[in-house]
Amino acid sequence: MVSSVDLRDYMLPNPITVAADDELYTAIDVIVNGRISGVCVVDSEHNLVGVLSEMDCLRATLGGIYNASACTGKVSEYMTSRVISCDIRADLVSVAADMLKEGHRRRPVVDGNRLVGQITCRQLLRVITDFK
């Protein structure tokens, strides 16, 4: 395998996003209909401000059921705001090693704070098959 690969060649450009002020159920619809396990949360300038996973949504909805209340609210109330991202100029092999170490299935790719893509385990497997 090649020791250095350009992240831009394998990232998913334009990942599916939601806004922090979107309703939670709107984001859940995006996740379910998009058949994805989570979304990046961005502000009006497309800066990454968080991520919302299936688990975040499940936790929120089950919490509402447990407390006998409707689970309504904004994405910002349920998203994870401490997000590990990688810079667009990062080396893909280093990003893959860190994702493995952290147990992450995906990593947002930013240029400054602006979301420009996402790298997932599927893309990492593509790199391996391209260089086998």
N, C-alpha and C. Protein backbone atom coordinates (compact mmCIF):
# COMPACT_ATOMS: atom_id res chain seq x y z
N MET A 1 0.84 -1.19 0.00
CA MET A 1 0.00 0.00 0.00
C MET A 1 0.88 1.24 0.00
N VAL A 2 0.39 2.29 -0.60
CA VAL A 2 1.09 3.55 -0.67
C VAL A 2 1.11 4.19 0.71
N SER A 3 2.23 4.82 1.07
CA SER A 3 2.35 5.39 2.42
C SER A 3 1.65 6.73 2.56
N SER A 4 1.32 7.41 1.46
CA SER A 4 0.68 8.71 1.53
C SER A 4 -0.32 8.84 0.39
N VAL A 5 -1.54 9.21 0.71
CA VAL A 5 -2.60 9.35 -0.26
C VAL A 5 -3.31 10.67 0.01
N ASP A 6 -3.67 11.39 -1.04
CA ASP A 6 -4.34 12.69 -0.89
C ASP A 6 -5.80 12.48 -0.50
N LEU A 7 -6.18 13.07 0.59
CA LEU A 7 -7.53 12.97 1.13
C LEU A 7 -8.59 13.42 0.12
N ARG A 8 -8.28 14.45 -0.64
CA ARG A 8 -9.25 15.00 -1.60
C ARG A 8 -9.67 14.00 -2.66
N ASP A 9 -8.80 13.04 -2.95
CA ASP A 9 -9.12 12.06 -3.98
C ASP A 9 -10.15 11.03 -3.52
N TYR A 10 -10.37 10.92 -2.22
CA TYR A 10 -11.25 9.86 -1.70
C TYR A 10 -12.40 10.34 -0.83
N MET A 11 -12.38 11.61 -0.40
CA MET A 11 -13.46 12.09 0.46
C MET A 11 -14.75 12.22 -0.33
N LEU A 12 -15.86 12.21 0.39
CA LEU A 12 -17.16 12.48 -0.21
C LEU A 12 -17.35 14.00 -0.17
N PRO A 13 -17.42 14.64 -1.33
CA PRO A 13 -17.66 16.08 -1.31
C PRO A 13 -19.14 16.33 -1.00
N ASN A 14 -19.44 17.45 -0.44
CA ASN A 14 -20.82 17.85 -0.17
C ASN A 14 -21.61 16.82 0.64
N PRO A 15 -21.16 16.50 1.85
CA PRO A 15 -21.93 15.55 2.66
C PRO A 15 -23.30 16.13 3.01
N ILE A 16 -24.22 15.25 3.31
CA ILE A 16 -25.57 15.68 3.70
C ILE A 16 -25.48 16.41 5.03
N THR A 17 -26.12 17.57 5.09
CA THR A 17 -26.05 18.40 6.29
C THR A 17 -27.43 18.82 6.75
N VAL A 18 -27.49 19.27 7.99
CA VAL A 18 -28.67 19.93 8.54
C VAL A 18 -28.16 21.16 9.28
N ALA A 19 -29.08 22.05 9.61
CA ALA A 19 -28.75 23.25 10.38
C ALA A 19 -29.03 23.01 11.85
N ALA A 20 -28.29 23.69 12.70
CA ALA A 20 -28.46 23.55 14.14
C ALA A 20 -29.86 23.96 14.59
N ASP A 21 -30.50 24.87 13.86
CA ASP A 21 -31.84 25.30 14.26
C ASP A 21 -32.96 24.53 13.57
N ASP A 22 -32.62 23.48 12.80
CA ASP A 22 -33.64 22.59 12.24
C ASP A 22 -34.31 21.81 13.37
N GLU A 23 -35.55 21.43 13.16
CA GLU A 23 -36.25 20.58 14.12
C GLU A 23 -35.61 19.19 14.11
N LEU A 24 -35.56 18.55 15.27
CA LEU A 24 -34.96 17.22 15.38
C LEU A 24 -35.61 16.23 14.42
N TYR A 25 -36.94 16.25 14.33
CA TYR A 25 -37.61 15.28 13.46
C TYR A 25 -37.33 15.53 11.98
N THR A 26 -37.02 16.75 11.61
CA THR A 26 -36.59 17.04 10.24
C THR A 26 -35.25 16.34 9.98
N ALA A 27 -34.34 16.44 10.93
CA ALA A 27 -33.03 15.78 10.80
C ALA A 27 -33.17 14.26 10.80
N ILE A 28 -34.07 13.74 11.62
CA ILE A 28 -34.31 12.29 11.63
C ILE A 28 -34.79 11.83 10.26
N ASP A 29 -35.69 12.59 9.65
CA ASP A 29 -36.16 12.26 8.30
C ASP A 29 -35.00 12.25 7.30
N VAL A 30 -34.10 13.21 7.41
CA VAL A 30 -32.94 13.28 6.52
C VAL A 30 -32.08 12.03 6.70
N ILE A 31 -31.85 11.63 7.94
CA ILE A 31 -31.03 10.45 8.23
C ILE A 31 -31.70 9.18 7.70
N VAL A 32 -32.98 9.02 7.98
CA VAL A 32 -33.69 7.81 7.57
C VAL A 32 -33.82 7.75 6.04
N ASN A 33 -34.28 8.83 5.44
CA ASN A 33 -34.49 8.82 3.98
C ASN A 33 -33.18 8.80 3.21
N GLY A 34 -32.12 9.34 3.79
CA GLY A 34 -30.82 9.32 3.14
C GLY A 34 -30.06 8.02 3.36
N ARG A 35 -30.62 7.16 4.23
CA ARG A 35 -29.98 5.88 4.56
C ARG A 35 -28.54 6.08 5.02
N ILE A 36 -28.38 7.04 5.94
CA ILE A 36 -27.07 7.35 6.48
C ILE A 36 -27.14 7.25 8.00
N SER A 37 -26.00 7.15 8.63
CA SER A 37 -25.99 6.96 10.09
C SER A 37 -25.79 8.25 10.87
N GLY A 38 -25.71 9.36 10.16
CA GLY A 38 -25.57 10.63 10.83
C GLY A 38 -25.36 11.75 9.83
N VAL A 39 -25.46 12.97 10.32
CA VAL A 39 -25.30 14.14 9.46
C VAL A 39 -24.38 15.16 10.13
N CYS A 40 -23.72 15.93 9.29
CA CYS A 40 -22.94 17.07 9.79
C CYS A 40 -23.91 18.22 10.02
N VAL A 41 -23.66 18.99 11.06
CA VAL A 41 -24.49 20.16 11.38
C VAL A 41 -23.66 21.39 11.06
N VAL A 42 -24.23 22.28 10.25
CA VAL A 42 -23.50 23.47 9.80
C VAL A 42 -24.29 24.74 10.10
N ASP A 43 -23.55 25.86 10.16
CA ASP A 43 -24.21 27.16 10.32
C ASP A 43 -24.51 27.75 8.95
N SER A 44 -24.96 28.99 8.90
CA SER A 44 -25.37 29.61 7.64
C SER A 44 -24.22 29.81 6.66
N GLU A 45 -22.97 29.81 7.16
CA GLU A 45 -21.81 29.94 6.28
C GLU A 45 -21.17 28.59 5.96
N HIS A 46 -21.86 27.53 6.30
CA HIS A 46 -21.41 26.15 6.07
C HIS A 46 -20.20 25.76 6.93
N ASN A 47 -20.06 26.44 8.07
CA ASN A 47 -19.04 26.06 9.04
C ASN A 47 -19.56 24.89 9.84
N LEU A 48 -18.70 23.92 10.10
CA LEU A 48 -19.08 22.75 10.89
C LEU A 48 -19.27 23.15 12.35
N VAL A 49 -20.45 22.88 12.90
CA VAL A 49 -20.72 23.21 14.30
C VAL A 49 -21.05 21.97 15.13
N GLY A 50 -21.25 20.82 14.48
CA GLY A 50 -21.56 19.60 15.21
C GLY A 50 -21.88 18.45 14.28
N VAL A 51 -22.21 17.33 14.90
CA VAL A 51 -22.71 16.17 14.17
C VAL A 51 -23.91 15.63 14.93
N LEU A 52 -24.81 15.03 14.20
CA LEU A 52 -25.99 14.40 14.79
C LEU A 52 -26.04 12.98 14.26
N SER A 53 -25.95 12.01 15.16
CA SER A 53 -25.92 10.61 14.76
C SER A 53 -27.28 9.96 15.00
N GLU A 54 -27.41 8.76 14.44
CA GLU A 54 -28.60 7.95 14.73
C GLU A 54 -28.74 7.75 16.23
N MET A 55 -27.63 7.50 16.90
CA MET A 55 -27.66 7.28 18.35
C MET A 55 -28.14 8.52 19.09
N ASP A 56 -27.69 9.71 18.67
CA ASP A 56 -28.17 10.95 19.29
C ASP A 56 -29.69 11.05 19.15
N CYS A 57 -30.18 10.73 17.96
CA CYS A 57 -31.63 10.80 17.70
C CYS A 57 -32.40 9.77 18.51
N LEU A 58 -31.87 8.57 18.58
CA LEU A 58 -32.52 7.51 19.35
C LEU A 58 -32.56 7.87 20.83
N ARG A 59 -31.46 8.39 21.34
CA ARG A 59 -31.38 8.81 22.73
C ARG A 59 -32.43 9.89 23.02
N ALA A 60 -32.57 10.85 22.12
CA ALA A 60 -33.53 11.94 22.30
C ALA A 60 -34.97 11.43 22.26
N THR A 61 -35.29 10.58 21.29
CA THR A 61 -36.67 10.11 21.17
C THR A 61 -37.04 9.16 22.30
N LEU A 62 -36.12 8.26 22.69
CA LEU A 62 -36.43 7.36 23.81
C LEU A 62 -36.52 8.13 25.12
N GLY A 63 -35.71 9.17 25.26
CA GLY A 63 -35.80 10.01 26.45
C GLY A 63 -37.16 10.68 26.55
N GLY A 64 -37.69 11.11 25.41
CA GLY A 64 -39.02 11.72 25.39
C GLY A 64 -40.10 10.72 25.75
N ILE A 65 -39.98 9.48 25.24
CA ILE A 65 -40.96 8.44 25.56
C ILE A 65 -40.89 8.10 27.04
N TYR A 66 -39.67 7.94 27.56
CA TYR A 66 -39.48 7.59 28.96
C TYR A 66 -40.06 8.66 29.88
N ASN A 67 -39.93 9.92 29.49
CA ASN A 67 -40.43 11.02 30.30
C ASN A 67 -41.86 11.40 29.94
N ALA A 68 -42.52 10.60 29.10
CA ALA A 68 -43.90 10.83 28.68
C ALA A 68 -44.10 12.24 28.12
N SER A 69 -43.12 12.68 27.34
CA SER A 69 -43.24 13.99 26.70
C SER A 69 -42.84 13.86 25.25
N ALA A 70 -43.41 14.72 24.45
CA ALA A 70 -43.05 14.72 23.04
C ALA A 70 -41.62 15.21 22.90
N CYS A 71 -40.87 14.51 22.11
CA CYS A 71 -39.47 14.89 21.89
C CYS A 71 -39.43 15.88 20.75
N THR A 72 -39.51 17.12 21.09
CA THR A 72 -39.38 18.15 20.07
C THR A 72 -38.24 19.05 20.47
N GLY A 73 -37.76 19.74 19.53
CA GLY A 73 -36.66 20.65 19.81
C GLY A 73 -35.78 20.77 18.60
N LYS A 74 -34.77 21.54 18.77
CA LYS A 74 -33.83 21.82 17.69
C LYS A 74 -32.67 20.83 17.70
N VAL A 75 -32.07 20.65 16.54
CA VAL A 75 -30.91 19.78 16.40
C VAL A 75 -29.83 20.17 17.41
N SER A 76 -29.65 21.46 17.63
CA SER A 76 -28.61 21.95 18.53
C SER A 76 -28.73 21.40 19.95
N GLU A 77 -29.93 21.01 20.34
CA GLU A 77 -30.15 20.46 21.68
C GLU A 77 -29.64 19.02 21.82
N TYR A 78 -29.46 18.33 20.70
CA TYR A 78 -29.13 16.90 20.73
C TYR A 78 -27.83 16.54 20.02
N MET A 79 -27.29 17.46 19.25
CA MET A 79 -26.08 17.17 18.47
C MET A 79 -24.85 17.10 19.37
N THR A 80 -23.83 16.50 18.85
CA THR A 80 -22.52 16.49 19.49
C THR A 80 -21.75 17.68 18.93
N SER A 81 -21.34 18.58 19.81
CA SER A 81 -20.65 19.78 19.32
C SER A 81 -19.12 19.66 19.40
N ARG A 82 -18.63 18.68 20.14
CA ARG A 82 -17.19 18.46 20.21
C ARG A 82 -16.83 17.42 19.14
N VAL A 83 -16.58 17.90 17.94
CA VAL A 83 -16.39 17.04 16.78
C VAL A 83 -14.91 16.98 16.41
N ILE A 84 -14.44 15.78 16.16
CA ILE A 84 -13.10 15.62 15.62
C ILE A 84 -13.23 15.65 14.10
N SER A 85 -12.57 16.61 13.50
CA SER A 85 -12.57 16.73 12.04
C SER A 85 -11.13 16.67 11.56
N CYS A 86 -10.96 16.67 10.25
CA CYS A 86 -9.60 16.72 9.71
C CYS A 86 -9.54 17.80 8.65
N ASP A 87 -8.37 18.34 8.49
CA ASP A 87 -8.13 19.40 7.51
C ASP A 87 -8.06 18.80 6.11
N ILE A 88 -8.50 19.54 5.13
CA ILE A 88 -8.50 19.11 3.74
C ILE A 88 -7.11 18.70 3.27
N ARG A 89 -6.07 19.25 3.87
CA ARG A 89 -4.70 18.96 3.46
C ARG A 89 -4.08 17.78 4.22
N ALA A 90 -4.86 17.14 5.09
CA ALA A 90 -4.34 16.02 5.89
C ALA A 90 -4.04 14.81 5.01
N ASP A 91 -3.11 14.02 5.45
CA ASP A 91 -2.76 12.77 4.76
C ASP A 91 -3.79 11.70 5.11
N LEU A 92 -4.32 11.05 4.10
CA LEU A 92 -5.39 10.07 4.30
C LEU A 92 -4.97 8.91 5.20
N VAL A 93 -3.74 8.46 5.07
CA VAL A 93 -3.27 7.33 5.88
C VAL A 93 -3.28 7.73 7.36
N SER A 94 -2.85 8.95 7.66
CA SER A 94 -2.85 9.43 9.05
C SER A 94 -4.28 9.57 9.57
N VAL A 95 -5.17 10.09 8.74
CA VAL A 95 -6.58 10.23 9.13
C VAL A 95 -7.17 8.85 9.41
N ALA A 96 -6.90 7.88 8.53
CA ALA A 96 -7.42 6.52 8.70
C ALA A 96 -6.92 5.91 10.00
N ALA A 97 -5.64 6.08 10.30
CA ALA A 97 -5.07 5.53 11.54
C ALA A 97 -5.75 6.15 12.76
N ASP A 98 -6.01 7.45 12.71
CA ASP A 98 -6.66 8.11 13.84
C ASP A 98 -8.12 7.68 13.97
N MET A 99 -8.81 7.52 12.84
CA MET A 99 -10.20 7.06 12.89
C MET A 99 -10.27 5.67 13.53
N LEU A 100 -9.34 4.81 13.16
CA LEU A 100 -9.29 3.46 13.73
C LEU A 100 -9.03 3.52 15.23
N LYS A 101 -8.07 4.34 15.62
CA LYS A 101 -7.74 4.49 17.04
C LYS A 101 -8.93 5.01 17.85
N GLU A 102 -9.66 5.98 17.29
CA GLU A 102 -10.79 6.59 17.99
C GLU A 102 -12.08 5.79 17.84
N GLY A 103 -12.10 4.83 16.92
CA GLY A 103 -13.31 4.03 16.69
C GLY A 103 -14.39 4.80 15.95
N HIS A 104 -13.99 5.72 15.06
CA HIS A 104 -14.95 6.52 14.30
C HIS A 104 -15.19 5.93 12.93
N ARG A 105 -16.44 5.97 12.50
CA ARG A 105 -16.81 5.45 11.18
C ARG A 105 -16.70 6.51 10.09
N ARG A 106 -16.68 7.76 10.51
CA ARG A 106 -16.61 8.85 9.53
C ARG A 106 -15.90 10.03 10.17
N ARG A 107 -15.39 10.91 9.33
CA ARG A 107 -14.71 12.10 9.82
C ARG A 107 -15.03 13.26 8.88
N PRO A 108 -15.60 14.35 9.41
CA PRO A 108 -15.82 15.54 8.57
C PRO A 108 -14.48 16.12 8.12
N VAL A 109 -14.47 16.64 6.91
CA VAL A 109 -13.27 17.27 6.35
C VAL A 109 -13.56 18.77 6.23
N VAL A 110 -12.67 19.58 6.78
CA VAL A 110 -12.88 21.03 6.79
C VAL A 110 -11.72 21.76 6.13
N ASP A 111 -12.02 22.92 5.64
CA ASP A 111 -11.01 23.86 5.14
C ASP A 111 -11.20 25.10 6.00
N GLY A 112 -10.34 25.27 6.99
CA GLY A 112 -10.59 26.25 8.05
C GLY A 112 -11.67 25.65 8.94
N ASN A 113 -12.81 26.32 9.03
CA ASN A 113 -13.97 25.76 9.74
C ASN A 113 -15.06 25.30 8.79
N ARG A 114 -14.89 25.60 7.51
CA ARG A 114 -15.91 25.31 6.51
C ARG A 114 -15.90 23.83 6.14
N LEU A 115 -17.06 23.20 6.20
CA LEU A 115 -17.20 21.79 5.84
C LEU A 115 -17.07 21.66 4.33
N VAL A 116 -16.14 20.80 3.88
CA VAL A 116 -15.93 20.60 2.45
C VAL A 116 -16.10 19.15 2.03
N GLY A 117 -16.21 18.24 2.99
CA GLY A 117 -16.37 16.84 2.64
C GLY A 117 -16.43 15.96 3.87
N GLN A 118 -16.39 14.67 3.62
CA GLN A 118 -16.41 13.68 4.69
C GLN A 118 -15.68 12.44 4.20
N ILE A 119 -14.92 11.84 5.10
CA ILE A 119 -14.26 10.58 4.77
C ILE A 119 -14.88 9.50 5.63
N THR A 120 -15.18 8.37 5.04
CA THR A 120 -15.83 7.28 5.76
C THR A 120 -15.01 6.00 5.62
N CYS A 121 -15.36 5.03 6.39
CA CYS A 121 -14.69 3.72 6.29
C CYS A 121 -14.82 3.15 4.88
N ARG A 122 -15.93 3.37 4.23
CA ARG A 122 -16.13 2.86 2.87
C ARG A 122 -15.11 3.47 1.91
N GLN A 123 -14.84 4.77 2.04
CA GLN A 123 -13.83 5.40 1.20
C GLN A 123 -12.45 4.84 1.52
N LEU A 124 -12.19 4.57 2.79
CA LEU A 124 -10.90 4.00 3.17
C LEU A 124 -10.72 2.62 2.56
N LEU A 125 -11.77 1.84 2.51
CA LEU A 125 -11.69 0.53 1.88
C LEU A 125 -11.45 0.67 0.37
N ARG A 126 -12.00 1.73 -0.22
CA ARG A 126 -11.76 1.99 -1.64
C ARG A 126 -10.28 2.24 -1.90
N VAL A 127 -9.63 2.97 -0.99
CA VAL A 127 -8.19 3.22 -1.14
C VAL A 127 -7.44 1.87 -1.15
N ILE A 128 -7.80 1.02 -0.23
CA ILE A 128 -7.12 -0.28 -0.13
C ILE A 128 -7.31 -1.09 -1.41
N THR A 129 -8.51 -1.11 -1.96
CA THR A 129 -8.74 -1.87 -3.19
C THR A 129 -8.06 -1.22 -4.38
N ASP A 130 -7.93 0.10 -4.39
CA ASP A 130 -7.24 0.77 -5.49
C ASP A 130 -5.74 0.47 -5.51
N PHE A 131 -5.17 0.20 -4.33
CA PHE A 131 -3.74 -0.02 -4.24
C PHE A 131 -3.34 -1.44 -3.89
N LYS A 132 -4.26 -2.40 -4.05
CA LYS A 132 -3.90 -3.79 -3.70
C LYS A 132 -2.96 -4.41 -4.68
